[in-house]
C-alpha atoms as a PDB file:
ATOM      1  CA  MET A   1      -0.155  -0.471   0.165  1.00  0.00           C
ATOM      2  CA  SER A   2       1.671   3.509  -0.822  1.00  0.00           C
ATOM      3  CA  ASP A   3       2.004   5.815   1.323  1.00  0.00           C
ATOM      4  CA  LYS A   4      -1.058   7.622  -0.266  1.00  0.00           C
ATOM      5  CA  GLN A   5      -3.188   5.506  -0.050  1.00  0.00           C
ATOM      6  CA  GLN A   6      -2.071   4.854   4.020  1.00  0.00           C
ATOM      7  CA  ASN A   7      -3.092   8.414   4.708  1.00  0.00           C
ATOM      8  CA  ASN A   8      -6.170   8.352   3.522  1.00  0.00           C
ATOM      9  CA  VAL A   9      -7.268   5.162   5.759  1.00  0.00           C
ATOM     10  CA  LYS A  10      -6.000   7.213   8.227  1.00  0.00           C
ATOM     11  CA  SER A  11      -8.214  10.148   7.807  1.00  0.00           C
ATOM     12  CA  ASN A  12     -11.206   7.935   6.929  1.00  0.00           C
ATOM     13  CA  ARG A  13     -10.367   6.318  10.307  1.00  0.00           C
ATOM     14  CA  ASP A  14      -9.973   9.726  12.081  1.00  0.00           C
ATOM     15  CA  PHE A  15     -12.973  10.480  10.437  1.00  0.00           C
ATOM     16  CA  ASP A  16     -14.754   7.355  11.422  1.00  0.00           C
ATOM     17  CA  TYR A  17     -14.092   8.235  15.233  1.00  0.00           C
ATOM     18  CA  PHE A  18     -15.371  11.800  15.117  1.00  0.00           C
ATOM     19  CA  ILE A  19     -18.947  10.090  13.262  1.00  0.00           C
ATOM     20  CA  GLU A  20     -18.676   7.664  15.843  1.00  0.00           C
ATOM     21  CA  LEU A  21     -18.860   9.963  19.024  1.00  0.00           C
ATOM     22  CA  ILE A  22     -21.638  11.389  17.149  1.00  0.00           C
ATOM     23  CA  LYS A  23     -23.849   8.786  16.614  1.00  0.00           C
ATOM     24  CA  ASN A  24     -23.386   7.960  19.971  1.00  0.00           C
ATOM     25  CA  ARG A  25     -23.890  11.627  21.546  1.00  0.00           C
ATOM     26  CA  LYS A  26     -27.154  10.526  23.068  1.00  0.00           C
ATOM     27  CA  LEU A  27     -24.932   7.643  25.554  1.00  0.00           C
ATOM     28  CA  ILE A  28     -22.211   9.927  25.939  1.00  0.00           C
ATOM     29  CA  LEU A  29     -25.144  12.458  26.875  1.00  0.00           C
ATOM     30  CA  ILE A  30     -27.074  10.246  29.095  1.00  0.00           C
ATOM     31  CA  THR A  31     -23.921   9.096  31.000  1.00  0.00           C
ATOM     32  CA  ALA A  32     -22.749  12.557  31.600  1.00  0.00           C
ATOM     33  CA  ALA A  33     -26.116  13.590  33.381  1.00  0.00           C
ATOM     34  CA  VAL A  34     -26.158  10.479  35.559  1.00  0.00           C
ATOM     35  CA  PHE A  35     -22.923  11.747  36.507  1.00  0.00           C
ATOM     36  CA  LEU A  36     -24.279  15.156  37.360  1.00  0.00           C
ATOM     37  CA  THR A  37     -27.269  14.133  39.005  1.00  0.00           C
ATOM     38  CA  VAL A  38     -25.851  11.924  41.285  1.00  0.00           C
ATOM     39  CA  THR A  39     -23.443  14.510  42.417  1.00  0.00           C
ATOM     40  CA  LEU A  40     -26.205  17.017  42.663  1.00  0.00           C
ATOM     41  CA  ILE A  41     -28.065  14.741  45.025  1.00  0.00           C
ATOM     42  CA  TYR A  42     -24.872  14.125  46.964  1.00  0.00           C
ATOM     43  CA  VAL A  43     -23.983  17.876  47.675  1.00  0.00           C
ATOM     44  CA  PHE A  44     -27.673  19.294  48.109  1.00  0.00           C
ATOM     45  CA  LEU A  45     -29.728  16.512  49.339  1.00  0.00           C
ATOM     46  CA  LEU A  46     -28.006  14.341  51.154  1.00  0.00           C
ATOM     47  CA  PRO A  47     -27.025  15.425  54.768  1.00  0.00           C
ATOM     48  CA  LYS A  48     -24.014  16.868  55.568  1.00  0.00           C
ATOM     49  CA  ASN A  49     -21.518  16.797  58.705  1.00  0.00           C
ATOM     50  CA  VAL A  50     -22.715  19.119  60.901  1.00  0.00           C
ATOM     51  CA  VAL A  51     -20.049  20.675  63.303  1.00  0.00           C
ATOM     52  CA  SER A  52     -20.102  23.859  66.181  1.00  0.00           C
ATOM     53  CA  LYS A  53     -17.742  26.090  65.465  1.00  0.00           C
ATOM     54  CA  SER A  54     -16.515  28.774  67.674  1.00  0.00           C
ATOM     55  CA  SER A  55     -13.554  31.105  67.878  1.00  0.00           C
ATOM     56  CA  PHE A  56     -11.810  32.820  70.638  1.00  0.00           C
ATOM     57  CA  SER A  57      -8.738  34.822  71.065  1.00  0.00           C
ATOM     58  CA  ILE A  58      -5.918  34.391  73.781  1.00  0.00           C
ATOM     59  CA  SER A  59      -3.096  37.279  73.923  1.00  0.00           C
ATOM     60  CA  LEU A  60      -0.514  36.418  77.325  1.00  0.00           C
ATOM     61  CA  ASP A  61       1.833  39.272  78.630  1.00  0.00           C
ATOM     62  CA  GLU A  62       5.390  38.089  80.038  1.00  0.00           C
ATOM     63  CA  GLN A  63       5.018  38.446  83.622  1.00  0.00           C
ATOM     64  CA  ILE A  64       2.031  38.943  86.190  1.00  0.00           C
ATOM     65  CA  GLU A  65       2.854  41.228  89.008  1.00  0.00           C
ATOM     66  CA  THR A  66       1.145  40.207  92.290  1.00  0.00           C
ATOM     67  CA  PRO A  67       1.382  41.361  96.278  1.00  0.00           C
ATOM     68  CA  TYR A  68       3.643  38.185  96.481  1.00  0.00           C
ATOM     69  CA  GLY A  69       6.210  39.100  93.799  1.00  0.00           C
ATOM     70  CA  ILE A  70       6.239  38.652  90.273  1.00  0.00           C
ATOM     71  CA  TYR A  71       5.448  35.173  88.339  1.00  0.00           C
ATOM     72  CA  LYS A  72       6.482  34.793  84.937  1.00  0.00           C
ATOM     73  CA  TYR A  73       4.605  32.461  82.473  1.00  0.00           C
ATOM     74  CA  LYS A  74       6.313  29.231  81.326  1.00  0.00           C
ATOM     75  CA  THR A  75       5.705  30.206  78.134  1.00  0.00           C
ATOM     76  CA  ARG A  76       3.583  32.695  76.315  1.00  0.00           C
ATOM     77  CA  ASN A  77       2.530  30.563  72.916  1.00  0.00           C
ATOM     78  CA  PRO A  78      -1.138  30.492  73.210  1.00  0.00           C
ATOM     79  CA  SER A  79      -0.478  27.236  71.046  1.00  0.00           C
ATOM     80  CA  HIS A  80       1.040  25.217  74.075  1.00  0.00           C
ATOM     81  CA  TYR A  81      -2.068  25.918  76.372  1.00  0.00           C
ATOM     82  CA  THR A  82      -4.837  24.848  73.446  1.00  0.00           C
ATOM     83  CA  GLU A  83      -3.305  21.575  72.853  1.00  0.00           C
ATOM     84  CA  LEU A  84      -5.031  20.191  76.044  1.00  0.00           C
ATOM     85  CA  LEU A  85      -8.147  20.839  73.889  1.00  0.00           C
ATOM     86  CA  GLU A  86      -7.371  18.134  71.946  1.00  0.00           C
ATOM     87  CA  LYS A  87      -6.261  15.838  74.209  1.00  0.00           C
ATOM     88  CA  ASN A  88      -8.323  11.815  74.983  1.00  0.00           C
ATOM     89  CA  SER A  89      -8.353  12.342  78.636  1.00  0.00           C
ATOM     90  CA  PHE A  90      -9.679  16.450  78.255  1.00  0.00           C
ATOM     91  CA  LYS A  91     -12.588  15.061  76.092  1.00  0.00           C
ATOM     92  CA  HIS A  92     -13.698  12.109  78.110  1.00  0.00           C
ATOM     93  CA  SER A  93     -14.263  14.477  80.768  1.00  0.00           C
ATOM     94  CA  VAL A  94     -15.987  16.740  78.802  1.00  0.00           C
ATOM     95  CA  CYS A  95     -18.167  13.900  77.478  1.00  0.00           C
ATOM     96  CA  ASN A  96     -18.924  12.526  80.772  1.00  0.00           C
ATOM     97  CA  LYS A  97     -21.067  15.780  81.561  1.00  0.00           C
ATOM     98  CA  PHE A  98     -23.318  15.274  78.570  1.00  0.00           C
ATOM     99  CA  GLY A  99     -23.438  11.210  78.649  1.00  0.00           C
ATOM    100  CA  ILE A 100     -21.724  10.850  75.762  1.00  0.00           C
ATOM    101  CA  ASN A 101     -21.238   6.579  76.180  1.00  0.00           C
ATOM    102  CA  ASN A 102     -18.498   6.558  73.398  1.00  0.00           C
ATOM    103  CA  PRO A 103     -16.438   9.534  73.169  1.00  0.00           C
ATOM    104  CA  LYS A 104     -14.554   8.173  70.687  1.00  0.00           C
ATOM    105  CA  ASP A 105     -16.630   9.120  68.193  1.00  0.00           C
ATOM    106  CA  VAL A 106     -16.420  12.832  68.981  1.00  0.00           C
ATOM    107  CA  GLN A 107     -13.635  15.193  67.658  1.00  0.00           C
ATOM    108  CA  PHE A 108     -12.520  18.354  69.436  1.00  0.00           C
ATOM    109  CA  THR A 109     -10.548  20.529  66.869  1.00  0.00           C
ATOM    110  CA  VAL A 110      -8.213  23.336  67.246  1.00  0.00           C
ATOM    111  CA  ILE A 111      -7.251  25.390  64.088  1.00  0.00           C
ATOM    112  CA  GLU A 112      -4.779  28.578  64.969  1.00  0.00           C
ATOM    113  CA  ASP A 113      -4.847  31.300  62.294  1.00  0.00           C
ATOM    114  CA  GLU A 114      -2.032  31.597  60.297  1.00  0.00           C
ATOM    115  CA  VAL A 115       0.803  34.346  61.529  1.00  0.00           C
ATOM    116  CA  LYS A 116       1.359  36.573  59.227  1.00  0.00           C
ATOM    117  CA  PHE A 117       5.377  38.164  59.668  1.00  0.00           C
ATOM    118  CA  ASP A 118       6.130  41.695  59.097  1.00  0.00           C
ATOM    119  CA  ALA A 119       9.700  43.146  58.514  1.00  0.00           C
ATOM    120  CA  LYS A 120       8.976  45.250  60.587  1.00  0.00           C
ATOM    121  CA  THR A 121       8.130  43.105  63.298  1.00  0.00           C
ATOM    122  CA  SER A 122      10.888  42.215  65.825  1.00  0.00           C
ATOM    123  CA  GLY A 123      10.686  38.997  68.295  1.00  0.00           C
ATOM    124  CA  VAL A 124       8.695  36.190  68.752  1.00  0.00           C
ATOM    125  CA  VAL A 125       5.040  36.481  66.721  1.00  0.00           C
ATOM    126  CA  TYR A 126       2.268  34.132  67.899  1.00  0.00           C
ATOM    127  CA  PRO A 127      -0.758  33.170  66.628  1.00  0.00           C
ATOM    128  CA  LYS A 128      -4.087  34.898  68.787  1.00  0.00           C
ATOM    129  CA  LYS A 129      -6.333  33.591  66.678  1.00  0.00           C
ATOM    130  CA  TYR A 130      -8.050  29.937  67.207  1.00  0.00           C
ATOM    131  CA  ASP A 131     -11.083  27.975  66.269  1.00  0.00           C
ATOM    132  CA  LEU A 132     -12.659  25.121  68.127  1.00  0.00           C
ATOM    133  CA  ILE A 133     -14.711  22.484  66.115  1.00  0.00           C
ATOM    134  CA  VAL A 134     -16.866  19.831  68.039  1.00  0.00           C
ATOM    135  CA  GLN A 135     -17.974  16.672  65.888  1.00  0.00           C
ATOM    136  CA  GLY A 136     -19.505  13.697  66.144  1.00  0.00           C
ATOM    137  CA  VAL A 137     -22.491  13.347  67.871  1.00  0.00           C
ATOM    138  CA  GLU A 138     -26.184  15.584  67.220  1.00  0.00           C
ATOM    139  CA  GLY A 139     -26.085  19.138  66.170  1.00  0.00           C
ATOM    140  CA  ASP A 140     -28.444  20.016  69.195  1.00  0.00           C
ATOM    141  CA  VAL A 141     -25.756  18.767  71.656  1.00  0.00           C
ATOM    142  CA  LEU A 142     -22.867  20.169  69.538  1.00  0.00           C
ATOM    143  CA  ASN A 143     -22.946  23.600  70.844  1.00  0.00           C
ATOM    144  CA  ASN A 144     -23.548  22.768  74.600  1.00  0.00           C
ATOM    145  CA  LEU A 145     -20.286  20.383  73.890  1.00  0.00           C
ATOM    146  CA  ASN A 146     -18.210  23.192  72.353  1.00  0.00           C
ATOM    147  CA  ARG A 147     -19.203  26.020  75.027  1.00  0.00           C
ATOM    148  CA  SER A 148     -18.509  23.336  78.186  1.00  0.00           C
ATOM    149  CA  ALA A 149     -15.300  22.355  76.593  1.00  0.00           C
ATOM    150  CA  LEU A 150     -13.733  25.842  76.221  1.00  0.00           C
ATOM    151  CA  ASN A 151     -15.326  26.617  79.951  1.00  0.00           C
ATOM    152  CA  ARG A 152     -13.218  23.750  81.187  1.00  0.00           C
ATOM    153  CA  PHE A 153      -9.946  24.810  79.294  1.00  0.00           C
ATOM    154  CA  LEU A 154      -9.833  27.661  80.997  1.00  0.00           C
ATOM    155  CA  SER A 155     -10.820  26.742  84.366  1.00  0.00           C
ATOM    156  CA  LEU A 156      -8.021  23.507  84.111  1.00  0.00           C
ATOM    157  CA  THR A 157      -6.034  26.230  82.412  1.00  0.00           C
ATOM    158  CA  ASP A 158      -6.059  28.974  85.369  1.00  0.00           C
ATOM    159  CA  SER A 159      -6.037  25.854  87.924  1.00  0.00           C
ATOM    160  CA  THR A 160      -2.950  24.802  86.758  1.00  0.00           C
ATOM    161  CA  ILE A 161      -1.021  28.041  86.419  1.00  0.00           C
ATOM    162  CA  LEU A 162      -2.155  29.615  89.712  1.00  0.00           C
ATOM    163  CA  ASN A 163      -0.908  25.489  91.530  1.00  0.00           C
ATOM    164  CA  ASP A 164       2.287  26.213  89.700  1.00  0.00           C
ATOM    165  CA  MET A 165       2.353  30.294  91.278  1.00  0.00           C
ATOM    166  CA  TYR A 166       1.309  28.596  94.885  1.00  0.00           C
ATOM    167  CA  ILE A 167       3.943  26.719  94.670  1.00  0.00           C
ATOM    168  CA  ASN A 168       6.731  29.600  93.793  1.00  0.00           C
ATOM    169  CA  PHE A 169       5.357  31.967  96.199  1.00  0.00           C
ATOM    170  CA  MET A 170       4.950  29.740  98.844  1.00  0.00           C
ATOM    171  CA  SER A 171       8.798  28.355  98.828  1.00  0.00           C
ATOM    172  CA  LYS A 172      10.627  31.666  98.094  1.00  0.00           C
ATOM    173  CA  LEU A 173       8.274  33.429 101.396  1.00  0.00           C
ATOM    174  CA  LYS A 174       9.624  30.181 103.309  1.00  0.00           C
ATOM    175  CA  ASN A 175      12.757  30.850 102.349  1.00  0.00           C
ATOM    176  CA  ASN A 176      12.462  34.396 102.955  1.00  0.00           C
ATOM    177  CA  VAL A 177      10.400  33.966 106.583  1.00  0.00           C
ATOM    178  CA  ASP A 178      13.919  31.108 107.379  1.00  0.00           C
ATOM    179  CA  ASP A 179      16.273  34.168 106.716  1.00  0.00           C
ATOM    180  CA  LEU A 180      14.704  36.960 108.218  1.00  0.00           C
ATOM    181  CA  MET A 181      14.329  34.201 111.217  1.00  0.00           C
ATOM    182  CA  LEU A 182      18.215  33.940 111.341  1.00  0.00           C
ATOM    183  CA  GLU A 183      18.559  37.539 110.480  1.00  0.00           C
ATOM    184  CA  ILE A 184      16.568  38.155 113.801  1.00  0.00           C
ATOM    185  CA  ALA A 185      18.202  36.118 115.616  1.00  0.00           C
ATOM    186  CA  SER A 186      21.718  37.270 115.523  1.00  0.00           C
ATOM    187  CA  LYS A 187      20.156  41.032 115.774  1.00  0.00           C
ATOM    188  CA  GLN A 188      18.667  40.493 118.945  1.00  0.00           C
ATOM    189  CA  GLN A 189      22.091  38.829 120.289  1.00  0.00           C
ATOM    190  CA  PHE A 190      23.580  42.161 119.532  1.00  0.00           C
ATOM    191  CA  VAL A 191      21.392  44.257 120.572  1.00  0.00           C
ATOM    192  CA  GLU A 192      21.486  42.738 123.895  1.00  0.00           C
ATOM    193  CA  VAL A 193      24.965  42.988 123.959  1.00  0.00           C
ATOM    194  CA  LEU A 194      25.068  46.890 123.754  1.00  0.00           C
ATOM    195  CA  ARG A 195      22.488  47.111 126.426  1.00  0.00           C
ATOM    196  CA  LYS A 196      24.899  44.984 128.768  1.00  0.00           C
ATOM    197  CA  ASP A 197      27.129  47.854 127.886  1.00  0.00           C
ATOM    198  CA  ASN A 198      25.293  50.871 128.072  1.00  0.00           C
ATOM    199  CA  LEU A 199      23.719  49.480 131.933  1.00  0.00           C
ATOM    200  CA  SER A 200      27.402  48.495 132.878  1.00  0.00           C
ATOM    201  CA  LYS A 201      28.844  52.110 131.331  1.00  0.00           C
ATOM    202  CA  SER A 202      32.026  49.969 130.826  1.00  0.00           C
ATOM    203  CA  GLU A 203      35.309  52.423 129.620  1.00  0.00           C
ATOM    204  CA  VAL A 204      35.502  52.201 125.863  1.00  0.00           C
ATOM    205  CA  ASN A 205      39.329  51.672 124.781  1.00  0.00           C
ATOM    206  CA  THR A 206      40.595  54.277 122.097  1.00  0.00           C
ATOM    207  CA  ASP A 207      43.076  52.296 120.577  1.00  0.00           C
ATOM    208  CA  LYS A 208      42.666  52.001 116.818  1.00  0.00           C
ATOM    209  CA  THR A 209      41.553  48.270 116.151  1.00  0.00           C
ATOM    210  CA  ASN A 210      38.631  48.938 119.118  1.00  0.00           C
ATOM    211  CA  LEU A 211      37.450  52.220 117.557  1.00  0.00           C
ATOM    212  CA  ASN A 212      37.421  50.497 114.455  1.00  0.00           C
ATOM    213  CA  ASN A 213      35.224  47.583 115.966  1.00  0.00           C
ATOM    214  CA  LEU A 214      32.864  50.162 117.294  1.00  0.00           C
ATOM    215  CA  ILE A 215      31.802  51.773 114.561  1.00  0.00           C
ATOM    216  CA  ASP A 216      29.333  50.733 112.496  1.00  0.00           C
ATOM    217  CA  ASP A 217      29.892  50.922 108.981  1.00  0.00           C
ATOM    218  CA  ARG A 218      26.334  51.249 107.816  1.00  0.00           C
ATOM    219  CA  ILE A 219      25.796  53.704 110.166  1.00  0.00           C
ATOM    220  CA  VAL A 220      28.811  55.489 108.834  1.00  0.00           C
ATOM    221  CA  ASN A 221      27.645  55.104 104.997  1.00  0.00           C
ATOM    222  CA  SER A 222      24.555  56.917 105.885  1.00  0.00           C
ATOM    223  CA  LEU A 223      25.706  59.570 107.096  1.00  0.00           C
ATOM    224  CA  LYS A 224      26.742  62.914 104.992  1.00  0.00           C
ATOM    225  CA  GLY A 225      29.894  64.460 105.213  1.00  0.00           C
ATOM    226  CA  SER A 226      29.296  67.085 107.736  1.00  0.00           C
ATOM    227  CA  GLU A 227      27.360  64.146 110.278  1.00  0.00           C
ATOM    228  CA  ARG A 228      30.279  61.766 109.909  1.00  0.00           C
ATOM    229  CA  GLY A 229      32.850  64.636 111.193  1.00  0.00           C
ATOM    230  CA  VAL A 230      30.218  64.891 113.979  1.00  0.00           C
ATOM    231  CA  LEU A 231      30.162  61.049 114.656  1.00  0.00           C
ATOM    232  CA  ILE A 232      34.010  61.100 114.645  1.00  0.00           C
ATOM    233  CA  ALA A 233      33.795  64.009 117.008  1.00  0.00           C
ATOM    234  CA  MET A 234      31.726  62.160 119.071  1.00  0.00           C
ATOM    235  CA  LEU A 235      33.908  59.359 119.499  1.00  0.00           C
ATOM    236  CA  LEU A 236      37.211  61.680 119.682  1.00  0.00           C
ATOM    237  CA  ASN A 237      35.299  63.893 122.751  1.00  0.00           C
ATOM    238  CA  GLY A 238      36.629  61.433 125.645  1.00  0.00           C
ATOM    239  CA  GLU A 239      34.408  58.859 127.568  1.00  0.00           C
ATOM    240  CA  GLN A 240      31.290  60.763 127.194  1.00  0.00           C
ATOM    241  CA  GLY A 241      31.176  60.851 123.411  1.00  0.00           C
ATOM    242  CA  LYS A 242      31.503  57.465 123.027  1.00  0.00           C
ATOM    243  CA  HIS A 243      28.864  56.716 125.605  1.00  0.00           C
ATOM    244  CA  TYR A 244      26.413  59.208 123.365  1.00  0.00           C
ATOM    245  CA  TYR A 245      28.112  56.932 120.545  1.00  0.00           C
ATOM    246  CA  ARG A 246      26.467  53.688 121.575  1.00  0.00           C
ATOM    247  CA  GLU A 247      23.180  54.779 122.837  1.00  0.00           C
ATOM    248  CA  MET A 248      23.034  56.330 119.191  1.00  0.00           C
ATOM    249  CA  LEU A 249      24.171  52.550 117.662  1.00  0.00           C
ATOM    250  CA  LEU A 250      21.788  50.809 119.880  1.00  0.00           C
ATOM    251  CA  SER A 251      18.946  52.344 118.926  1.00  0.00           C
ATOM    252  CA  TYR A 252      19.802  52.483 115.507  1.00  0.00           C
ATOM    253  CA  GLN A 253      20.290  48.640 115.895  1.00  0.00           C
ATOM    254  CA  GLU A 254      16.289  48.501 117.564  1.00  0.00           C
ATOM    255  CA  VAL A 255      14.950  50.479 114.867  1.00  0.00           C
ATOM    256  CA  GLU A 256      16.684  48.076 112.558  1.00  0.00           C
ATOM    257  CA  LEU A 257      15.468  44.860 114.397  1.00  0.00           C
ATOM    258  CA  GLU A 258      11.605  46.469 114.656  1.00  0.00           C
ATOM    259  CA  VAL A 259      11.924  46.520 110.861  1.00  0.00           C
ATOM    260  CA  LEU A 260      13.306  42.573 110.607  1.00  0.00           C
ATOM    261  CA  LYS A 261      10.250  41.954 112.855  1.00  0.00           C
ATOM    262  CA  ASN A 262       7.829  43.660 110.678  1.00  0.00           C
ATOM    263  CA  GLN A 263       8.729  42.071 107.786  1.00  0.00           C
ATOM    264  CA  LEU A 264       9.020  38.573 109.025  1.00  0.00           C
ATOM    265  CA  VAL A 265       4.894  39.160 110.608  1.00  0.00           C
ATOM    266  CA  LYS A 266       4.198  40.226 107.219  1.00  0.00           C
ATOM    267  CA  SER A 267       5.901  37.705 105.516  1.00  0.00           C
ATOM    268  CA  GLU A 268       4.374  35.088 107.800  1.00  0.00           C
ATOM    269  CA  THR A 269       0.593  36.863 107.035  1.00  0.00           C
ATOM    270  CA  LEU A 270       1.331  36.415 103.379  1.00  0.00           C
ATOM    271  CA  MET A 271       1.984  33.084 103.405  1.00  0.00           C
ATOM    272  CA  GLU A 272      -0.533  32.494 105.989  1.00  0.00           C
ATOM    273  CA  LYS A 273      -3.301  33.456 103.837  1.00  0.00           C
ATOM    274  CA  LEU A 274      -1.738  31.901 101.055  1.00  0.00           C
ATOM    275  CA  ASN A 275      -2.024  28.857 102.325  1.00  0.00           C
ATOM    276  CA  ASP A 276      -5.606  29.580 103.379  1.00  0.00           C
ATOM    277  CA  ALA A 277      -6.504  30.303  99.957  1.00  0.00           C
ATOM    278  CA  ASN A 278      -4.717  26.898  98.699  1.00  0.00           C
ATOM    279  CA  GLU A 279      -6.671  24.730 101.231  1.00  0.00           C
ATOM    280  CA  THR A 280      -9.855  26.396 100.546  1.00  0.00           C
ATOM    281  CA  ASN A 281      -9.592  26.459  96.684  1.00  0.00           C
ATOM    282  CA  GLN A 282      -9.491  30.374  96.722  1.00  0.00           C
ATOM    283  CA  LEU A 283      -6.596  31.368  94.951  1.00  0.00           C
ATOM    284  CA  SER A 284      -8.325  32.652  91.812  1.00  0.00           C
ATOM    285  CA  ALA A 285      -9.845  35.151  94.343  1.00  0.00           C
ATOM    286  CA  LEU A 286      -6.475  35.942  95.389  1.00  0.00           C
ATOM    287  CA  PHE A 287      -4.723  36.416  91.736  1.00  0.00           C
ATOM    288  CA  GLY A 288      -7.529  36.545  89.530  1.00  0.00           C
ATOM    289  CA  GLY A 289      -7.980  34.605  86.582  1.00  0.00           C
ATOM    290  CA  VAL A 290      -4.253  34.659  85.456  1.00  0.00           C
ATOM    291  CA  PHE A 291      -5.189  33.331  82.139  1.00  0.00           C
ATOM    292  CA  SER A 292      -9.055  33.234  81.108  1.00  0.00           C
ATOM    293  CA  SER A 293      -8.582  37.228  81.703  1.00  0.00           C
ATOM    294  CA  ASN A 294      -6.462  37.134  78.679  1.00  0.00           C
ATOM    295  CA  PHE A 295      -8.932  34.799  77.033  1.00  0.00           C
ATOM    296  CA  ILE A 296     -11.535  36.332  74.286  1.00  0.00           C
ATOM    297  CA  GLN A 297     -14.644  34.651  73.012  1.00  0.00           C
ATOM    298  CA  LEU A 298     -15.305  35.871  69.584  1.00  0.00           C
ATOM    299  CA  THR A 299     -17.792  34.009  68.393  1.00  0.00           C
ATOM    300  CA  GLU A 300     -20.264  31.468  70.013  1.00  0.00           C
ATOM    301  CA  GLY A 301     -20.358  28.162  69.341  1.00  0.00           C
ATOM    302  CA  GLU A 302     -22.464  27.478  65.909  1.00  0.00           C
ATOM    303  CA  LEU A 303     -23.499  24.638  63.799  1.00  0.00           C
ATOM    304  CA  GLN A 304     -22.353  24.749  60.538  1.00  0.00           C
ATOM    305  CA  LYS A 305     -22.516  21.965  57.703  1.00  0.00           C
ATOM    306  CA  MET A 306     -18.992  20.474  56.298  1.00  0.00           C
ATOM    307  CA  ASN A 307     -19.514  20.965  53.001  1.00  0.00           C
ATOM    308  CA  GLY A 308     -16.853  22.942  52.217  1.00  0.00           C
ATOM    309  CA  GLY A 309     -18.795  26.115  51.024  1.00  0.00           C
ATOM    310  CA  LEU A 310     -20.348  26.650  47.559  1.00  0.00           C
ATOM    311  CA  THR A 311     -16.981  27.181  45.551  1.00  0.00           C
ATOM    312  CA  ARG A 312     -16.233  23.548  46.613  1.00  0.00           C
ATOM    313  CA  ASP A 313     -19.460  22.325  45.450  1.00  0.00           C
ATOM    314  CA  LEU A 314     -19.171  24.003  42.234  1.00  0.00           C
ATOM    315  CA  LYS A 315     -15.793  22.657  41.775  1.00  0.00           C
ATOM    316  CA  PHE A 316     -17.147  19.321  42.725  1.00  0.00           C
ATOM    317  CA  ILE A 317     -19.878  19.364  39.972  1.00  0.00           C
ATOM    318  CA  PHE A 318     -18.087  20.353  37.341  1.00  0.00           C
ATOM    319  CA  LEU A 319     -15.517  17.657  37.891  1.00  0.00           C
ATOM    320  CA  ALA A 320     -18.602  14.810  38.032  1.00  0.00           C
ATOM    321  CA  LEU A 321     -20.392  16.382  34.389  1.00  0.00           C
ATOM    322  CA  PHE A 322     -16.439  16.241  32.685  1.00  0.00           C
ATOM    323  CA  LEU A 323     -15.523  12.751  34.128  1.00  0.00           C
ATOM    324  CA  GLY A 324     -19.207  11.936  32.737  1.00  0.00           C
ATOM    325  CA  LEU A 325     -18.130  13.260  29.296  1.00  0.00           C
ATOM    326  CA  PHE A 326     -14.911  12.035  29.185  1.00  0.00           C
ATOM    327  CA  LEU A 327     -15.472   8.389  30.285  1.00  0.00           C
ATOM    328  CA  SER A 328     -18.476   8.053  28.189  1.00  0.00           C
ATOM    329  CA  SER A 329     -16.011   9.502  25.141  1.00  0.00           C
ATOM    330  CA  VAL A 330     -13.039   7.126  26.184  1.00  0.00           C
ATOM    331  CA  PHE A 331     -16.112   3.961  26.121  1.00  0.00           C
ATOM    332  CA  VAL A 332     -17.547   4.938  22.709  1.00  0.00           C
ATOM    333  CA  LEU A 333     -13.795   5.382  20.969  1.00  0.00           C
ATOM    334  CA  PHE A 334     -12.725   2.288  22.119  1.00  0.00           C
ATOM    335  CA  ARG A 335     -15.395   0.743  20.744  1.00  0.00           C
ATOM    336  CA  SER A 336     -15.809   1.920  18.052  1.00  0.00           C
ATOM    337  CA  TYR A 337     -12.133   1.264  17.604  1.00  0.00           C
ATOM    338  CA  MET A 338     -12.440  -2.319  18.436  1.00  0.00           C
ATOM    339  CA  ARG A 339     -14.961  -2.583  15.262  1.00  0.00           C
ATOM    340  CA  PHE A 340     -13.095  -1.133  12.970  1.00  0.00           C
ATOM    341  CA  TYR A 341      -9.918  -3.472  13.609  1.00  0.00           C
ATOM    342  CA  GLN A 342     -12.334  -6.179  13.529  1.00  0.00           C
ATOM    343  CA  ASP A 343     -13.848  -5.359  10.132  1.00  0.00           C
ATOM    344  CA  GLN A 344     -10.327  -4.580   8.411  1.00  0.00           C
ATOM    345  CA  PHE A 345      -8.823  -8.330  10.034  1.00  0.00           C
END
């Protein structure tokens, strides 16, 4: 067969394929219509998975100032705290309140907002907006589950931070009380010695070594230049001047002792108040909502269908229509080719 004849056969074969598509257009259109109908039923008529979605925002400062001192958060990243919402133990505790026998069917999902970085932004940037999605049960219960989950999340997180604050401040107070008691005991002993010396009115040696031991450096350092001169003059003004100085030193030490005792009473009072608040579960009344006060509810739980929205539905419909046309056309062309091949041989 010549090249010209082969080209004519090829042209006829191509033409035959096109004719087959035209002849079988009803089959192609019916198949595409079936695909389209099934897709429309799925998209618009079949029930979708209903979920409850709520949105919230969290922004934490670096530290909290309290009457007991400054407390620094262990982490400022809200995502480290929202991990609790997705734990199985947390989910079970929430579901138990609603009598849900099979919590495995329930899902708590946290979606964090995308963090947008700016060239001018310095430091670490954390996500601030989060969505909580609850699914797996009847729609009427979903919103209640969503609300209960957030309330329990705030309560547990507050409790965890408050407990850490209690341990932190109680440890510091105990150490402070121990240090104050030792310092008071030492100061009390020194004051007793000074009182005995003043009562006995014993003579004071004027040698340089004894003079240095007698002078309290804290008193000297607290005085101005002219006042220091007066103090030195008192010490050099014979025995009477030295006794005046010892009386002044005793008064100074007694004042310091009273200050230490007041500090001890204050620390013990704070420690007692802190311990009472912990035993009566009133730490939140003492420090407030250390985490929940930084939580803002943007939207309450709302029921939504997980259908992906109108855009996704349209894409799904066009895809089904394309598949119907494509598969039916392939079937028609393949059948036409097999018949043509059998006719040739």
